[in-house]
N, C-alpha and C. Protein backbone atom coordinates (compact mmCIF):
# COMPACT_ATOMS: atom_id res chain seq x y z
N UNK A 1 80.11 97.90 104.13
CA UNK A 1 80.96 98.39 103.06
C UNK A 1 80.19 98.67 101.78
N UNK A 2 79.00 98.13 101.65
CA UNK A 2 78.28 98.22 100.39
C UNK A 2 77.82 99.64 100.05
N UNK A 3 77.75 100.55 101.02
CA UNK A 3 77.31 101.91 100.75
C UNK A 3 78.42 102.77 100.16
N UNK A 4 79.65 102.29 100.18
CA UNK A 4 80.80 103.05 99.71
C UNK A 4 80.97 102.91 98.21
N UNK A 5 81.86 103.73 97.69
CA UNK A 5 82.33 103.58 96.32
C UNK A 5 82.90 102.17 96.20
N UNK A 6 82.59 101.42 95.11
CA UNK A 6 83.08 100.04 95.01
C UNK A 6 84.58 99.90 95.18
N UNK A 7 85.37 100.78 94.61
CA UNK A 7 86.82 100.63 94.75
C UNK A 7 87.25 100.83 96.19
N UNK A 8 86.60 101.75 96.91
CA UNK A 8 86.91 101.95 98.32
C UNK A 8 86.50 100.75 99.17
N UNK A 9 85.32 100.20 98.89
CA UNK A 9 84.87 99.05 99.67
C UNK A 9 85.73 97.83 99.36
N UNK A 10 86.14 97.66 98.11
CA UNK A 10 87.02 96.55 97.77
C UNK A 10 88.35 96.69 98.50
N UNK A 11 88.88 97.90 98.61
CA UNK A 11 90.14 98.12 99.32
C UNK A 11 90.01 97.72 100.79
N UNK A 12 88.90 98.06 101.40
CA UNK A 12 88.68 97.68 102.80
C UNK A 12 88.56 96.17 102.95
N UNK A 13 87.88 95.54 102.01
CA UNK A 13 87.72 94.09 102.05
C UNK A 13 89.09 93.42 101.88
N UNK A 14 89.90 93.93 100.94
CA UNK A 14 91.24 93.37 100.72
C UNK A 14 92.14 93.58 101.95
N UNK A 15 92.05 94.75 102.58
CA UNK A 15 92.82 95.00 103.81
C UNK A 15 92.46 93.99 104.89
N UNK A 16 91.17 93.74 105.03
CA UNK A 16 90.69 92.77 106.00
C UNK A 16 91.23 91.38 105.67
N UNK A 17 91.24 91.02 104.40
CA UNK A 17 91.74 89.71 103.98
C UNK A 17 93.22 89.55 104.31
N UNK A 18 94.01 90.59 104.06
CA UNK A 18 95.45 90.53 104.38
C UNK A 18 95.67 90.30 105.87
N UNK A 19 94.92 91.01 106.70
CA UNK A 19 95.04 90.84 108.16
C UNK A 19 94.66 89.43 108.58
N UNK A 20 93.55 88.93 108.07
CA UNK A 20 93.12 87.58 108.40
C UNK A 20 94.15 86.55 107.98
N UNK A 21 94.69 86.71 106.78
CA UNK A 21 95.65 85.74 106.26
C UNK A 21 96.92 85.74 107.08
N UNK A 22 97.42 86.93 107.43
CA UNK A 22 98.66 87.01 108.21
C UNK A 22 98.51 86.37 109.58
N UNK A 23 97.31 86.44 110.16
CA UNK A 23 97.06 85.85 111.48
C UNK A 23 96.81 84.34 111.40
N UNK A 24 96.57 83.84 110.20
CA UNK A 24 96.23 82.43 110.03
C UNK A 24 97.49 81.57 110.00
N UNK A 25 97.27 80.27 109.96
CA UNK A 25 98.39 79.33 109.83
C UNK A 25 98.57 78.87 108.39
N UNK A 26 97.93 79.58 107.45
CA UNK A 26 98.09 79.23 106.03
C UNK A 26 99.52 79.54 105.59
N UNK A 27 100.01 78.85 104.57
CA UNK A 27 101.38 79.07 104.09
C UNK A 27 101.63 80.53 103.69
N UNK A 28 102.77 81.05 104.10
CA UNK A 28 103.13 82.43 103.78
C UNK A 28 104.04 82.49 102.55
N UNK A 29 104.17 81.37 101.86
CA UNK A 29 104.96 81.32 100.64
C UNK A 29 104.04 81.00 99.46
N UNK A 30 104.43 81.45 98.31
CA UNK A 30 103.67 81.20 97.10
C UNK A 30 103.69 79.71 96.75
N UNK A 31 102.71 79.28 95.97
CA UNK A 31 102.66 77.89 95.56
C UNK A 31 103.89 77.49 94.75
N UNK A 32 104.59 78.46 94.16
CA UNK A 32 105.82 78.17 93.41
C UNK A 32 107.02 78.05 94.34
N UNK A 33 106.85 78.40 95.62
CA UNK A 33 107.93 78.28 96.59
C UNK A 33 108.59 79.60 96.94
N UNK A 34 108.30 80.65 96.19
CA UNK A 34 108.90 81.96 96.47
C UNK A 34 108.33 82.49 97.78
N UNK A 35 109.19 82.93 98.70
CA UNK A 35 108.71 83.37 100.01
C UNK A 35 109.21 84.76 100.42
N UNK A 36 109.80 85.50 99.51
CA UNK A 36 110.32 86.83 99.84
C UNK A 36 109.21 87.89 99.87
N UNK A 37 108.24 87.74 99.01
CA UNK A 37 107.12 88.68 98.94
C UNK A 37 105.92 87.92 98.40
N UNK A 38 104.79 88.10 99.03
CA UNK A 38 103.58 87.48 98.52
C UNK A 38 102.43 88.46 98.58
N UNK A 39 101.45 88.21 97.74
CA UNK A 39 100.22 89.00 97.71
C UNK A 39 99.08 88.05 98.04
N UNK A 40 98.09 88.56 98.72
CA UNK A 40 96.92 87.75 99.03
C UNK A 40 95.96 87.87 97.86
N UNK A 41 95.61 86.73 97.32
CA UNK A 41 94.77 86.67 96.12
C UNK A 41 93.47 85.96 96.44
N UNK A 42 92.40 86.42 95.82
CA UNK A 42 91.10 85.77 95.96
C UNK A 42 90.97 84.70 94.89
N UNK A 43 90.61 83.50 95.30
CA UNK A 43 90.36 82.44 94.33
C UNK A 43 89.08 82.77 93.56
N UNK A 44 88.04 83.16 94.27
CA UNK A 44 86.83 83.69 93.64
C UNK A 44 86.85 85.19 93.90
N UNK A 45 86.85 85.98 92.85
CA UNK A 45 87.00 87.43 92.94
C UNK A 45 85.88 88.08 93.75
N UNK A 46 86.20 89.18 94.40
CA UNK A 46 85.22 89.94 95.18
C UNK A 46 84.00 90.27 94.32
N UNK A 47 84.24 90.72 93.10
CA UNK A 47 83.15 91.16 92.22
C UNK A 47 82.21 90.02 91.82
N UNK A 48 82.66 88.77 92.00
CA UNK A 48 81.84 87.63 91.62
C UNK A 48 80.87 87.20 92.72
N UNK A 49 80.95 87.82 93.88
CA UNK A 49 79.99 87.55 94.96
C UNK A 49 78.82 88.50 94.85
N UNK A 50 77.65 88.07 95.32
CA UNK A 50 76.50 88.97 95.41
C UNK A 50 76.82 90.10 96.37
N UNK A 51 76.22 91.26 96.17
CA UNK A 51 76.49 92.42 97.02
C UNK A 51 76.12 92.18 98.48
N UNK A 52 75.18 91.29 98.73
CA UNK A 52 74.76 91.05 100.11
C UNK A 52 75.53 89.91 100.78
N UNK A 53 76.57 89.41 100.13
CA UNK A 53 77.39 88.34 100.72
C UNK A 53 78.20 88.91 101.88
N UNK A 54 78.15 88.26 103.04
CA UNK A 54 78.93 88.74 104.19
C UNK A 54 80.43 88.70 103.90
N UNK A 55 81.17 89.65 104.46
CA UNK A 55 82.61 89.72 104.26
C UNK A 55 83.30 88.46 104.76
N UNK A 56 82.77 87.85 105.82
CA UNK A 56 83.39 86.62 106.32
C UNK A 56 83.35 85.50 105.29
N UNK A 57 82.39 85.53 104.40
CA UNK A 57 82.32 84.54 103.32
C UNK A 57 83.31 84.90 102.22
N UNK A 58 83.33 86.17 101.81
CA UNK A 58 84.24 86.63 100.77
C UNK A 58 85.69 86.41 101.21
N UNK A 59 85.98 86.73 102.47
CA UNK A 59 87.34 86.63 103.01
C UNK A 59 87.58 85.31 103.75
N UNK A 60 86.82 84.30 103.41
CA UNK A 60 87.07 82.99 104.00
C UNK A 60 88.48 82.54 103.63
N UNK A 61 89.19 81.94 104.57
CA UNK A 61 90.55 81.46 104.29
C UNK A 61 90.57 80.45 103.15
N UNK A 62 89.45 79.79 102.91
CA UNK A 62 89.36 78.86 101.78
C UNK A 62 89.34 79.60 100.44
N UNK A 63 89.07 80.90 100.47
CA UNK A 63 89.01 81.70 99.25
C UNK A 63 90.26 82.55 99.06
N UNK A 64 91.23 82.42 99.95
CA UNK A 64 92.44 83.23 99.88
C UNK A 64 93.67 82.35 99.67
N UNK A 65 94.63 82.88 98.91
CA UNK A 65 95.87 82.16 98.67
C UNK A 65 97.00 83.18 98.53
N UNK A 66 98.19 82.82 99.01
CA UNK A 66 99.36 83.68 98.87
C UNK A 66 100.02 83.38 97.53
N UNK A 67 100.21 84.42 96.74
CA UNK A 67 100.86 84.26 95.43
C UNK A 67 101.97 85.30 95.29
N UNK A 68 103.07 84.90 94.67
CA UNK A 68 104.10 85.88 94.33
C UNK A 68 103.54 86.75 93.20
N UNK A 69 104.13 87.91 92.93
CA UNK A 69 103.59 88.78 91.87
C UNK A 69 103.48 88.08 90.52
N UNK A 70 104.44 87.22 90.18
CA UNK A 70 104.38 86.54 88.88
C UNK A 70 103.22 85.55 88.82
N UNK A 71 103.07 84.73 89.86
CA UNK A 71 101.96 83.77 89.88
C UNK A 71 100.62 84.49 89.95
N UNK A 72 100.56 85.61 90.68
CA UNK A 72 99.33 86.38 90.76
C UNK A 72 98.94 86.88 89.38
N UNK A 73 99.92 87.39 88.62
CA UNK A 73 99.65 87.86 87.26
C UNK A 73 99.16 86.70 86.39
N UNK A 74 99.83 85.55 86.49
CA UNK A 74 99.41 84.38 85.71
C UNK A 74 97.99 83.94 86.09
N UNK A 75 97.68 83.97 87.37
CA UNK A 75 96.34 83.60 87.82
C UNK A 75 95.30 84.57 87.25
N UNK A 76 95.58 85.87 87.33
CA UNK A 76 94.64 86.86 86.81
C UNK A 76 94.43 86.73 85.31
N UNK A 77 95.44 86.26 84.58
CA UNK A 77 95.35 86.09 83.11
C UNK A 77 94.82 84.73 82.71
N UNK A 78 94.49 83.88 83.71
CA UNK A 78 93.94 82.56 83.42
C UNK A 78 94.99 81.51 83.05
N UNK A 79 96.25 81.81 83.31
CA UNK A 79 97.34 80.88 82.98
C UNK A 79 97.66 79.93 84.13
N UNK A 80 97.16 80.23 85.30
CA UNK A 80 97.41 79.42 86.49
C UNK A 80 96.06 79.12 87.13
N UNK A 81 95.79 77.87 87.37
CA UNK A 81 94.51 77.46 87.98
C UNK A 81 94.74 77.11 89.44
N UNK A 82 93.86 77.60 90.28
CA UNK A 82 93.90 77.30 91.72
C UNK A 82 92.51 76.82 92.11
N UNK A 83 92.46 75.66 92.70
CA UNK A 83 91.18 75.10 93.15
C UNK A 83 90.95 75.50 94.60
N UNK A 84 89.73 75.90 94.93
CA UNK A 84 89.43 76.23 96.33
C UNK A 84 89.59 74.99 97.20
N UNK A 85 89.98 75.23 98.46
CA UNK A 85 90.08 74.13 99.43
C UNK A 85 88.71 73.58 99.71
N UNK A 86 88.66 72.33 100.05
CA UNK A 86 87.34 71.78 100.38
C UNK A 86 87.29 71.33 101.81
């Protein structure tokens, strides 16, 4: 993916993350309990990884969390803290 336009490669990486998350046994509801719609969010952003980091590391289930749109917005603005799983 690294040879592509960054926005295109990020879209492919995000698509892959959504597929992985849906197939996993991770909770399909937001941490606030909302379960009607969720977005897959990166705990550590794609852009914060080195360019040579394998996608399996970026899209590790430990780096993904389901958030409702409101919690996702709060997380992106630094109002909601999420710790990676250990």
